[in-house]
């Protein structure tokens, strides 16, 4: 497989203040990428940016709620004016609220749909014109195995991830002819704060670093056809 160089490439990771997003940012920065960190909580991404710069890397923290197109566009415009074109987008921002269908509120349903699906749509739409013009780019969508497998008490989350997988498949069809790579990454249970107070066995989960290593490998691999859909499961199987 051919190897690509991440040094100096501008990579935008949404939801990068904690968990999987933070791990991805740290891993890519260690390989020389220039990170654009976004999340709703500015203190989280500022802490990650400081961690990266302390290790000799490059990162800029830009607060953004991916549900709002004005905030998404502001990030893209500011980055491109100050640092250059966004070459890689990792749509990682996500929300999971667990419960039975009869107990799921409309507001919780909307939050998951708007963050997990609409957010990826808005961010992809914002970076696509530049990628199309340059005939290059890579978008990685954090789909989860919940994008294919139903889980009890997870109707809203599964629905949003099923939707994200469908969006990703069409995005790939439209982007491929412009030299843009699109990858669906489907992690199994990962030990992050997304679980909240849910009754789950964290000891059976993967650490976020394993997902970060997978993202780094995907970006460093030039064989795009082999990296269109990547599933990562814990060694002990799904919860």
C-alpha atoms as a PDB file:
ATOM      1  CA  UNK A   1       0.000   0.000   0.000  1.00  0.00           C
ATOM      2  CA  UNK A   2       1.212   3.512  -0.761  1.00  0.00           C
ATOM      3  CA  UNK A   3       1.717   5.874   2.142  1.00  0.00           C
ATOM      4  CA  UNK A   4       0.490   9.462   2.333  1.00  0.00           C
ATOM      5  CA  UNK A   5       2.143  12.221   4.339  1.00  0.00           C
ATOM      6  CA  UNK A   6       0.011  14.040   6.924  1.00  0.00           C
ATOM      7  CA  UNK A   7       2.643  16.680   7.699  1.00  0.00           C
ATOM      8  CA  UNK A   8       1.121  20.149   7.455  1.00  0.00           C
ATOM      9  CA  UNK A   9      -2.236  18.893   6.136  1.00  0.00           C
ATOM     10  CA  UNK A  10      -5.203  20.681   7.680  1.00  0.00           C
ATOM     11  CA  UNK A  11      -7.580  18.235   9.355  1.00  0.00           C
ATOM     12  CA  UNK A  12     -10.886  19.267  10.931  1.00  0.00           C
ATOM     13  CA  UNK A  13     -12.150  16.926  13.652  1.00  0.00           C
ATOM     14  CA  UNK A  14     -15.601  17.719  15.020  1.00  0.00           C
ATOM     15  CA  UNK A  15     -16.461  16.763  18.586  1.00  0.00           C
ATOM     16  CA  UNK A  16     -12.746  16.750  19.397  1.00  0.00           C
ATOM     17  CA  UNK A  17     -12.858  18.006  22.969  1.00  0.00           C
ATOM     18  CA  UNK A  18     -13.090  14.563  24.542  1.00  0.00           C
ATOM     19  CA  UNK A  19     -13.386  10.831  23.910  1.00  0.00           C
ATOM     20  CA  UNK A  20     -12.801   9.498  20.411  1.00  0.00           C
ATOM     21  CA  UNK A  21     -12.441  12.954  18.865  1.00  0.00           C
ATOM     22  CA  UNK A  22      -9.715  13.965  21.304  1.00  0.00           C
ATOM     23  CA  UNK A  23      -7.851  10.697  20.707  1.00  0.00           C
ATOM     24  CA  UNK A  24      -8.057  11.173  16.936  1.00  0.00           C
ATOM     25  CA  UNK A  25      -6.755  14.730  17.181  1.00  0.00           C
ATOM     26  CA  UNK A  26      -3.784  13.726  19.320  1.00  0.00           C
ATOM     27  CA  UNK A  27      -2.885  10.837  17.015  1.00  0.00           C
ATOM     28  CA  UNK A  28      -3.062  12.878  13.822  1.00  0.00           C
ATOM     29  CA  UNK A  29      -1.131  15.768  15.374  1.00  0.00           C
ATOM     30  CA  UNK A  30       1.622  13.312  16.319  1.00  0.00           C
ATOM     31  CA  UNK A  31       1.901  12.490  12.605  1.00  0.00           C
ATOM     32  CA  UNK A  32       2.317  16.154  11.678  1.00  0.00           C
ATOM     33  CA  UNK A  33      -1.234  17.160  10.750  1.00  0.00           C
ATOM     34  CA  UNK A  34      -2.455  20.677  11.536  1.00  0.00           C
ATOM     35  CA  UNK A  35      -5.600  20.147  13.601  1.00  0.00           C
ATOM     36  CA  UNK A  36      -8.778  22.208  13.585  1.00  0.00           C
ATOM     37  CA  UNK A  37     -10.618  21.281  16.781  1.00  0.00           C
ATOM     38  CA  UNK A  38     -14.308  22.000  17.195  1.00  0.00           C
ATOM     39  CA  UNK A  39     -16.952  21.270  19.815  1.00  0.00           C
ATOM     40  CA  UNK A  40     -19.644  23.146  21.686  1.00  0.00           C
ATOM     41  CA  UNK A  41     -17.532  23.442  24.851  1.00  0.00           C
ATOM     42  CA  UNK A  42     -14.631  25.811  24.182  1.00  0.00           C
ATOM     43  CA  UNK A  43     -12.713  24.834  27.325  1.00  0.00           C
ATOM     44  CA  UNK A  44     -12.522  21.211  26.153  1.00  0.00           C
ATOM     45  CA  UNK A  45     -11.029  21.956  22.735  1.00  0.00           C
ATOM     46  CA  UNK A  46      -8.708  24.610  24.141  1.00  0.00           C
ATOM     47  CA  UNK A  47      -7.322  21.993  26.526  1.00  0.00           C
ATOM     48  CA  UNK A  48      -6.749  19.557  23.648  1.00  0.00           C
ATOM     49  CA  UNK A  49      -5.143  22.286  21.536  1.00  0.00           C
ATOM     50  CA  UNK A  50      -2.787  23.112  24.414  1.00  0.00           C
ATOM     51  CA  UNK A  51      -1.947  19.433  24.809  1.00  0.00           C
ATOM     52  CA  UNK A  52      -1.058  19.221  21.129  1.00  0.00           C
ATOM     53  CA  UNK A  53       1.068  22.365  21.099  1.00  0.00           C
ATOM     54  CA  UNK A  54       2.860  21.244  24.264  1.00  0.00           C
ATOM     55  CA  UNK A  55       3.904  18.150  22.325  1.00  0.00           C
ATOM     56  CA  UNK A  56       5.207  20.246  19.432  1.00  0.00           C
ATOM     57  CA  UNK A  57       2.138  19.934  17.210  1.00  0.00           C
ATOM     58  CA  UNK A  58      -0.179  22.443  15.573  1.00  0.00           C
ATOM     59  CA  UNK A  59      -3.813  22.957  16.535  1.00  0.00           C
ATOM     60  CA  UNK A  60      -6.443  25.670  16.602  1.00  0.00           C
ATOM     61  CA  UNK A  61      -9.586  25.531  18.757  1.00  0.00           C
ATOM     62  CA  UNK A  62     -12.790  26.820  17.165  1.00  0.00           C
ATOM     63  CA  UNK A  63     -16.110  26.445  19.024  1.00  0.00           C
ATOM     64  CA  UNK A  64     -18.876  25.135  16.784  1.00  0.00           C
ATOM     65  CA  UNK A  65     -22.262  23.513  17.179  1.00  0.00           C
ATOM     66  CA  UNK A  66     -22.497  21.396  14.029  1.00  0.00           C
ATOM     67  CA  UNK A  67     -26.290  21.653  14.062  1.00  0.00           C
ATOM     68  CA  UNK A  68     -26.092  25.305  12.962  1.00  0.00           C
ATOM     69  CA  UNK A  69     -24.973  26.122   9.391  1.00  0.00           C
ATOM     70  CA  UNK A  70     -23.796  29.631  10.276  1.00  0.00           C
ATOM     71  CA  UNK A  71     -21.358  28.259  12.859  1.00  0.00           C
ATOM     72  CA  UNK A  72     -20.123  25.562  10.476  1.00  0.00           C
ATOM     73  CA  UNK A  73     -19.530  28.063   7.676  1.00  0.00           C
ATOM     74  CA  UNK A  74     -17.740  30.411  10.070  1.00  0.00           C
ATOM     75  CA  UNK A  75     -15.232  27.693  10.944  1.00  0.00           C
ATOM     76  CA  UNK A  76     -14.514  26.853   7.302  1.00  0.00           C
ATOM     77  CA  UNK A  77     -14.126  30.484   6.238  1.00  0.00           C
ATOM     78  CA  UNK A  78     -11.886  31.354   9.201  1.00  0.00           C
ATOM     79  CA  UNK A  79      -9.648  28.327   8.724  1.00  0.00           C
ATOM     80  CA  UNK A  80      -9.250  28.811   4.988  1.00  0.00           C
ATOM     81  CA  UNK A  81      -8.448  32.515   5.393  1.00  0.00           C
ATOM     82  CA  UNK A  82      -5.905  32.015   8.151  1.00  0.00           C
ATOM     83  CA  UNK A  83      -4.408  28.578   7.648  1.00  0.00           C
ATOM     84  CA  UNK A  84      -5.372  27.237   4.234  1.00  0.00           C
ATOM     85  CA  UNK A  85      -7.785  24.683   2.752  1.00  0.00           C
ATOM     86  CA  UNK A  86      -9.311  21.945   4.878  1.00  0.00           C
ATOM     87  CA  UNK A  87      -8.008  18.750   3.320  1.00  0.00           C
ATOM     88  CA  UNK A  88      -9.533  16.212   5.702  1.00  0.00           C
ATOM     89  CA  UNK A  89     -12.816  16.286   7.620  1.00  0.00           C
ATOM     90  CA  UNK A  90     -13.593  13.802  10.383  1.00  0.00           C
ATOM     91  CA  UNK A  91     -17.298  14.008  11.246  1.00  0.00           C
ATOM     92  CA  UNK A  92     -17.036  12.699  14.783  1.00  0.00           C
ATOM     93  CA  UNK A  93     -19.468  14.901  16.747  1.00  0.00           C
ATOM     94  CA  UNK A  94     -22.254  12.726  18.097  1.00  0.00           C
ATOM     95  CA  UNK A  95     -24.891  12.383  20.777  1.00  0.00           C
ATOM     96  CA  UNK A  96     -26.385   9.206  22.255  1.00  0.00           C
ATOM     97  CA  UNK A  97     -29.465   9.201  24.488  1.00  0.00           C
ATOM     98  CA  UNK A  98     -30.614   5.755  25.547  1.00  0.00           C
ATOM     99  CA  UNK A  99     -34.148   4.649  26.332  1.00  0.00           C
ATOM    100  CA  UNK A 100     -37.223   2.860  25.067  1.00  0.00           C
ATOM    101  CA  UNK A 101     -39.147   4.396  22.193  1.00  0.00           C
ATOM    102  CA  UNK A 102     -42.131   5.197  24.402  1.00  0.00           C
ATOM    103  CA  UNK A 103     -39.840   7.078  26.776  1.00  0.00           C
ATOM    104  CA  UNK A 104     -37.868   9.026  24.164  1.00  0.00           C
ATOM    105  CA  UNK A 105     -38.796  12.696  24.059  1.00  0.00           C
ATOM    106  CA  UNK A 106     -39.111  14.580  20.785  1.00  0.00           C
ATOM    107  CA  UNK A 107     -36.336  16.933  21.882  1.00  0.00           C
ATOM    108  CA  UNK A 108     -33.947  14.027  22.537  1.00  0.00           C
ATOM    109  CA  UNK A 109     -34.835  12.502  19.159  1.00  0.00           C
ATOM    110  CA  UNK A 110     -34.224  15.821  17.404  1.00  0.00           C
ATOM    111  CA  UNK A 111     -30.909  16.353  19.195  1.00  0.00           C
ATOM    112  CA  UNK A 112     -29.571  13.010  17.983  1.00  0.00           C
ATOM    113  CA  UNK A 113     -30.805  13.493  14.424  1.00  0.00           C
ATOM    114  CA  UNK A 114     -29.526  17.055  14.175  1.00  0.00           C
ATOM    115  CA  UNK A 115     -26.123  16.294  15.647  1.00  0.00           C
ATOM    116  CA  UNK A 116     -25.397  12.856  14.220  1.00  0.00           C
ATOM    117  CA  UNK A 117     -26.861  13.254  10.726  1.00  0.00           C
ATOM    118  CA  UNK A 118     -27.504  16.916   9.986  1.00  0.00           C
ATOM    119  CA  UNK A 119     -24.171  17.920  11.516  1.00  0.00           C
ATOM    120  CA  UNK A 120     -22.244  15.587   9.217  1.00  0.00           C
ATOM    121  CA  UNK A 121     -24.270  16.855   6.254  1.00  0.00           C
ATOM    122  CA  UNK A 122     -23.594  20.520   7.046  1.00  0.00           C
ATOM    123  CA  UNK A 123     -19.870  20.053   7.648  1.00  0.00           C
ATOM    124  CA  UNK A 124     -19.441  17.922   4.526  1.00  0.00           C
ATOM    125  CA  UNK A 125     -21.408  20.398   2.437  1.00  0.00           C
ATOM    126  CA  UNK A 126     -19.230  23.252   3.715  1.00  0.00           C
ATOM    127  CA  UNK A 127     -15.887  21.671   2.782  1.00  0.00           C
ATOM    128  CA  UNK A 128     -16.960  19.962  -0.453  1.00  0.00           C
ATOM    129  CA  UNK A 129     -16.722  22.981  -2.839  1.00  0.00           C
ATOM    130  CA  UNK A 130     -13.058  23.494  -1.991  1.00  0.00           C
ATOM    131  CA  UNK A 131     -12.283  19.786  -2.202  1.00  0.00           C
ATOM    132  CA  UNK A 132     -14.054  19.546  -5.564  1.00  0.00           C
ATOM    133  CA  UNK A 133     -12.105  22.529  -6.875  1.00  0.00           C
ATOM    134  CA  UNK A 134      -8.795  20.999  -5.748  1.00  0.00           C
ATOM    135  CA  UNK A 135      -9.777  17.495  -6.917  1.00  0.00           C
ATOM    136  CA  UNK A 136      -8.688  16.018  -3.602  1.00  0.00           C
ATOM    137  CA  UNK A 137      -9.805  15.531  -0.016  1.00  0.00           C
ATOM    138  CA  UNK A 138     -10.958  12.922   2.455  1.00  0.00           C
ATOM    139  CA  UNK A 139     -14.100  12.795   4.599  1.00  0.00           C
ATOM    140  CA  UNK A 140     -14.422  10.218   7.378  1.00  0.00           C
ATOM    141  CA  UNK A 141     -17.825   9.762   8.996  1.00  0.00           C
ATOM    142  CA  UNK A 142     -17.988   8.124  12.420  1.00  0.00           C
ATOM    143  CA  UNK A 143     -20.972   5.878  11.747  1.00  0.00           C
ATOM    144  CA  UNK A 144     -20.722   3.180  14.497  1.00  0.00           C
ATOM    145  CA  UNK A 145     -21.857  -0.427  14.244  1.00  0.00           C
ATOM    146  CA  UNK A 146     -25.230   0.988  15.339  1.00  0.00           C
ATOM    147  CA  UNK A 147     -25.553   2.142  11.731  1.00  0.00           C
ATOM    148  CA  UNK A 148     -26.225  -1.452  10.726  1.00  0.00           C
ATOM    149  CA  UNK A 149     -27.176  -3.343  13.863  1.00  0.00           C
ATOM    150  CA  UNK A 150     -30.232  -2.572  16.013  1.00  0.00           C
ATOM    151  CA  UNK A 151     -29.686  -2.301  19.767  1.00  0.00           C
ATOM    152  CA  UNK A 152     -32.351  -2.395  22.446  1.00  0.00           C
ATOM    153  CA  UNK A 153     -33.140   1.001  24.027  1.00  0.00           C
ATOM    154  CA  UNK A 154     -31.279   2.699  21.149  1.00  0.00           C
ATOM    155  CA  UNK A 155     -33.976   3.587  18.611  1.00  0.00           C
ATOM    156  CA  UNK A 156     -33.016   7.232  18.218  1.00  0.00           C
ATOM    157  CA  UNK A 157     -29.277   6.604  18.124  1.00  0.00           C
ATOM    158  CA  UNK A 158     -29.595   3.677  15.703  1.00  0.00           C
ATOM    159  CA  UNK A 159     -31.938   5.636  13.443  1.00  0.00           C
ATOM    160  CA  UNK A 160     -29.471   8.521  13.301  1.00  0.00           C
ATOM    161  CA  UNK A 161     -26.553   6.208  12.518  1.00  0.00           C
ATOM    162  CA  UNK A 162     -28.500   4.245   9.906  1.00  0.00           C
ATOM    163  CA  UNK A 163     -29.222   7.626   8.323  1.00  0.00           C
ATOM    164  CA  UNK A 164     -25.572   8.667   8.529  1.00  0.00           C
ATOM    165  CA  UNK A 165     -24.510   5.468   6.777  1.00  0.00           C
ATOM    166  CA  UNK A 166     -26.940   6.127   3.926  1.00  0.00           C
ATOM    167  CA  UNK A 167     -25.732   9.707   3.647  1.00  0.00           C
ATOM    168  CA  UNK A 168     -22.114   8.535   3.604  1.00  0.00           C
ATOM    169  CA  UNK A 169     -22.770   6.013   0.835  1.00  0.00           C
ATOM    170  CA  UNK A 170     -24.323   8.677  -1.403  1.00  0.00           C
ATOM    171  CA  UNK A 171     -21.608  11.196  -0.504  1.00  0.00           C
ATOM    172  CA  UNK A 172     -19.019   8.674  -1.672  1.00  0.00           C
ATOM    173  CA  UNK A 173     -20.843   8.175  -4.971  1.00  0.00           C
ATOM    174  CA  UNK A 174     -20.946  11.918  -5.634  1.00  0.00           C
ATOM    175  CA  UNK A 175     -17.436  12.721  -4.411  1.00  0.00           C
ATOM    176  CA  UNK A 176     -15.444   9.879  -5.957  1.00  0.00           C
ATOM    177  CA  UNK A 177     -15.383  11.381  -9.447  1.00  0.00           C
ATOM    178  CA  UNK A 178     -13.747  14.510  -7.995  1.00  0.00           C
ATOM    179  CA  UNK A 179     -10.874  12.588  -6.424  1.00  0.00           C
ATOM    180  CA  UNK A 180     -12.357  12.820  -2.918  1.00  0.00           C
ATOM    181  CA  UNK A 181     -12.193   9.796  -0.628  1.00  0.00           C
ATOM    182  CA  UNK A 182     -15.094   9.022   1.729  1.00  0.00           C
ATOM    183  CA  UNK A 183     -14.876   6.472   4.538  1.00  0.00           C
ATOM    184  CA  UNK A 184     -17.511   5.033   6.867  1.00  0.00           C
ATOM    185  CA  UNK A 185     -15.874   4.121  10.165  1.00  0.00           C
ATOM    186  CA  UNK A 186     -17.983   1.772  12.288  1.00  0.00           C
ATOM    187  CA  UNK A 187     -16.576   1.331  15.789  1.00  0.00           C
ATOM    188  CA  UNK A 188     -18.128  -1.056  18.258  1.00  0.00           C
ATOM    189  CA  UNK A 189     -18.515  -0.198  21.937  1.00  0.00           C
ATOM    190  CA  UNK A 190     -15.854   2.318  22.969  1.00  0.00           C
ATOM    191  CA  UNK A 191     -15.068   3.445  26.498  1.00  0.00           C
ATOM    192  CA  UNK A 192     -16.001   7.150  26.487  1.00  0.00           C
ATOM    193  CA  UNK A 193     -18.332   9.479  28.359  1.00  0.00           C
ATOM    194  CA  UNK A 194     -21.049   9.041  25.708  1.00  0.00           C
ATOM    195  CA  UNK A 195     -22.512   6.183  27.777  1.00  0.00           C
ATOM    196  CA  UNK A 196     -23.406   8.491  30.661  1.00  0.00           C
ATOM    197  CA  UNK A 197     -25.070   6.504  33.448  1.00  0.00           C
ATOM    198  CA  UNK A 198     -26.166   3.649  31.172  1.00  0.00           C
ATOM    199  CA  UNK A 199     -25.836   0.165  32.678  1.00  0.00           C
ATOM    200  CA  UNK A 200     -22.987  -1.154  30.522  1.00  0.00           C
ATOM    201  CA  UNK A 201     -19.778  -3.101  31.119  1.00  0.00           C
ATOM    202  CA  UNK A 202     -16.948  -0.707  30.273  1.00  0.00           C
ATOM    203  CA  UNK A 203     -14.354  -3.454  30.717  1.00  0.00           C
ATOM    204  CA  UNK A 204     -15.585  -5.047  27.483  1.00  0.00           C
ATOM    205  CA  UNK A 205     -15.145  -1.857  25.485  1.00  0.00           C
ATOM    206  CA  UNK A 206     -12.309  -0.628  23.289  1.00  0.00           C
ATOM    207  CA  UNK A 207     -10.218   2.366  24.355  1.00  0.00           C
ATOM    208  CA  UNK A 208     -10.637   5.490  22.233  1.00  0.00           C
ATOM    209  CA  UNK A 209      -6.983   5.214  21.190  1.00  0.00           C
ATOM    210  CA  UNK A 210      -7.809   2.133  19.100  1.00  0.00           C
ATOM    211  CA  UNK A 211     -10.272   4.140  17.030  1.00  0.00           C
ATOM    212  CA  UNK A 212      -7.738   6.945  16.677  1.00  0.00           C
ATOM    213  CA  UNK A 213      -5.146   4.492  15.379  1.00  0.00           C
ATOM    214  CA  UNK A 214      -7.640   3.263  12.786  1.00  0.00           C
ATOM    215  CA  UNK A 215      -8.369   6.804  11.569  1.00  0.00           C
ATOM    216  CA  UNK A 216      -4.650   7.525  11.319  1.00  0.00           C
ATOM    217  CA  UNK A 217      -4.088   4.337   9.327  1.00  0.00           C
ATOM    218  CA  UNK A 218      -6.951   5.187   6.975  1.00  0.00           C
ATOM    219  CA  UNK A 219      -5.494   8.625   6.251  1.00  0.00           C
ATOM    220  CA  UNK A 220      -1.990   7.282   5.776  1.00  0.00           C
ATOM    221  CA  UNK A 221      -3.145   4.606   3.318  1.00  0.00           C
ATOM    222  CA  UNK A 222      -3.353   5.536  -0.323  1.00  0.00           C
ATOM    223  CA  UNK A 223      -5.453   2.535  -1.328  1.00  0.00           C
ATOM    224  CA  UNK A 224      -8.856   4.237  -1.038  1.00  0.00           C
ATOM    225  CA  UNK A 225     -10.895   1.305  -2.358  1.00  0.00           C
ATOM    226  CA  UNK A 226      -9.775  -0.779   0.609  1.00  0.00           C
ATOM    227  CA  UNK A 227     -10.756   1.884   3.131  1.00  0.00           C
ATOM    228  CA  UNK A 228     -14.296   2.857   2.117  1.00  0.00           C
ATOM    229  CA  UNK A 229     -15.939   1.030   5.017  1.00  0.00           C
ATOM    230  CA  UNK A 230     -14.064   0.009   8.153  1.00  0.00           C
ATOM    231  CA  UNK A 231     -15.600  -1.914  11.063  1.00  0.00           C
ATOM    232  CA  UNK A 232     -13.782  -2.136  14.410  1.00  0.00           C
ATOM    233  CA  UNK A 233     -15.189  -4.349  17.156  1.00  0.00           C
ATOM    234  CA  UNK A 234     -14.001  -5.112  20.697  1.00  0.00           C
ATOM    235  CA  UNK A 235     -12.179  -8.423  21.037  1.00  0.00           C
ATOM    236  CA  UNK A 236     -14.877  -9.678  23.401  1.00  0.00           C
ATOM    237  CA  UNK A 237     -17.673  -8.908  20.927  1.00  0.00           C
ATOM    238  CA  UNK A 238     -20.450  -6.343  21.089  1.00  0.00           C
ATOM    239  CA  UNK A 239     -22.207  -5.542  24.356  1.00  0.00           C
END
